[in-house]
Amino acid sequence: MKALTLISAFLGGAIVGCSAALLFAPEKGEDVRTKLCNILKKKGIKISDKEVDALVAELAGAEE
């Protein structure tokens, strides 16, 4: 396969994947973090915004 064809296929797939992710994402990340913080507070767990960000980063790293 030619290198240009391979690169074109990769870029095309990346564009389609990003577009699908944007279209099908249920909510913005900020909204999800807010909901997560509220749920934890209702359970009696006090957590700061920095701790939520660290938790999200850790969970995102675990999925890979």
C-alpha atoms as a PDB file:
ATOM      1  CA  MET A   1       0.000   0.000   0.000  1.00  0.00           C
ATOM      2  CA  LYS A   2       1.304   3.426  -0.802  1.00  0.00           C
ATOM      3  CA  ALA A   3       2.273   5.594   2.134  1.00  0.00           C
ATOM      4  CA  LEU A   4      -0.022   8.404   0.976  1.00  0.00           C
ATOM      5  CA  THR A   5      -2.989   6.022   0.809  1.00  0.00           C
ATOM      6  CA  LEU A   6      -2.231   4.716   4.278  1.00  0.00           C
ATOM      7  CA  ILE A   7      -1.951   8.218   5.727  1.00  0.00           C
ATOM      8  CA  SER A   8      -5.170   9.287   3.981  1.00  0.00           C
ATOM      9  CA  ALA A   9      -7.023   6.273   5.374  1.00  0.00           C
ATOM     10  CA  PHE A  10      -5.726   6.971   8.878  1.00  0.00           C
ATOM     11  CA  LEU A  11      -6.673  10.658   8.760  1.00  0.00           C
ATOM     12  CA  GLY A  12     -10.100   9.843   7.322  1.00  0.00           C
ATOM     13  CA  GLY A  13     -10.741   7.338  10.116  1.00  0.00           C
ATOM     14  CA  ALA A  14      -9.590   9.811  12.745  1.00  0.00           C
ATOM     15  CA  ILE A  15     -11.921  12.498  11.400  1.00  0.00           C
ATOM     16  CA  VAL A  16     -14.882  10.117  11.306  1.00  0.00           C
ATOM     17  CA  GLY A  17     -14.108   8.877  14.834  1.00  0.00           C
ATOM     18  CA  CYS A  18     -13.829  12.379  16.278  1.00  0.00           C
ATOM     19  CA  SER A  19     -17.031  13.447  14.574  1.00  0.00           C
ATOM     20  CA  ALA A  20     -18.914  10.434  15.926  1.00  0.00           C
ATOM     21  CA  ALA A  21     -17.577  11.067  19.435  1.00  0.00           C
ATOM     22  CA  LEU A  22     -18.764  14.671  19.342  1.00  0.00           C
ATOM     23  CA  LEU A  23     -22.182  13.719  18.008  1.00  0.00           C
ATOM     24  CA  PHE A  24     -22.835  10.855  20.406  1.00  0.00           C
ATOM     25  CA  ALA A  25     -21.312  12.245  23.611  1.00  0.00           C
ATOM     26  CA  PRO A  26     -24.179  12.449  26.094  1.00  0.00           C
ATOM     27  CA  GLU A  27     -22.950  15.476  28.047  1.00  0.00           C
ATOM     28  CA  LYS A  28     -20.050  17.854  28.403  1.00  0.00           C
ATOM     29  CA  GLY A  29     -17.230  16.740  30.686  1.00  0.00           C
ATOM     30  CA  GLU A  30     -17.829  19.680  33.003  1.00  0.00           C
ATOM     31  CA  ASP A  31     -21.446  18.588  33.516  1.00  0.00           C
ATOM     32  CA  VAL A  32     -20.389  15.016  34.270  1.00  0.00           C
ATOM     33  CA  ARG A  33     -17.833  16.239  36.824  1.00  0.00           C
ATOM     34  CA  THR A  34     -20.495  18.398  38.509  1.00  0.00           C
ATOM     35  CA  LYS A  35     -22.895  15.458  38.714  1.00  0.00           C
ATOM     36  CA  LEU A  36     -20.147  13.238  40.100  1.00  0.00           C
ATOM     37  CA  CYS A  37     -19.326  15.837  42.754  1.00  0.00           C
ATOM     38  CA  ASN A  38     -22.993  16.183  43.733  1.00  0.00           C
ATOM     39  CA  ILE A  39     -23.487  12.414  44.008  1.00  0.00           C
ATOM     40  CA  LEU A  40     -20.428  12.066  46.228  1.00  0.00           C
ATOM     41  CA  LYS A  41     -21.560  14.970  48.427  1.00  0.00           C
ATOM     42  CA  LYS A  42     -24.977  13.335  48.880  1.00  0.00           C
ATOM     43  CA  LYS A  43     -23.178  10.189  50.055  1.00  0.00           C
ATOM     44  CA  GLY A  44     -21.297  12.267  52.625  1.00  0.00           C
ATOM     45  CA  ILE A  45     -17.986  12.299  50.785  1.00  0.00           C
ATOM     46  CA  LYS A  46     -16.401  15.737  50.671  1.00  0.00           C
ATOM     47  CA  ILE A  47     -14.292  16.198  47.561  1.00  0.00           C
ATOM     48  CA  SER A  48     -12.683  19.217  45.944  1.00  0.00           C
ATOM     49  CA  ASP A  49     -12.680  20.080  42.246  1.00  0.00           C
ATOM     50  CA  LYS A  50      -8.983  19.197  42.035  1.00  0.00           C
ATOM     51  CA  GLU A  51      -9.667  15.773  43.522  1.00  0.00           C
ATOM     52  CA  VAL A  52     -12.476  15.183  41.028  1.00  0.00           C
ATOM     53  CA  ASP A  53     -10.158  16.138  38.174  1.00  0.00           C
ATOM     54  CA  ALA A  54      -7.508  13.743  39.499  1.00  0.00           C
ATOM     55  CA  LEU A  55     -10.100  10.964  39.812  1.00  0.00           C
ATOM     56  CA  VAL A  56     -11.311  11.528  36.251  1.00  0.00           C
ATOM     57  CA  ALA A  57      -7.735  11.512  34.961  1.00  0.00           C
ATOM     58  CA  GLU A  58      -7.032   8.281  36.823  1.00  0.00           C
ATOM     59  CA  LEU A  59     -10.171   6.625  35.467  1.00  0.00           C
ATOM     60  CA  ALA A  60      -9.399   7.792  31.944  1.00  0.00           C
ATOM     61  CA  GLY A  61      -5.906   6.308  32.227  1.00  0.00           C
ATOM     62  CA  ALA A  62      -7.292   2.979  33.462  1.00  0.00           C
ATOM     63  CA  GLU A  63      -9.474   2.591  30.343  1.00  0.00           C
ATOM     64  CA  GLU A  64      -6.515   2.683  27.969  1.00  0.00           C
END
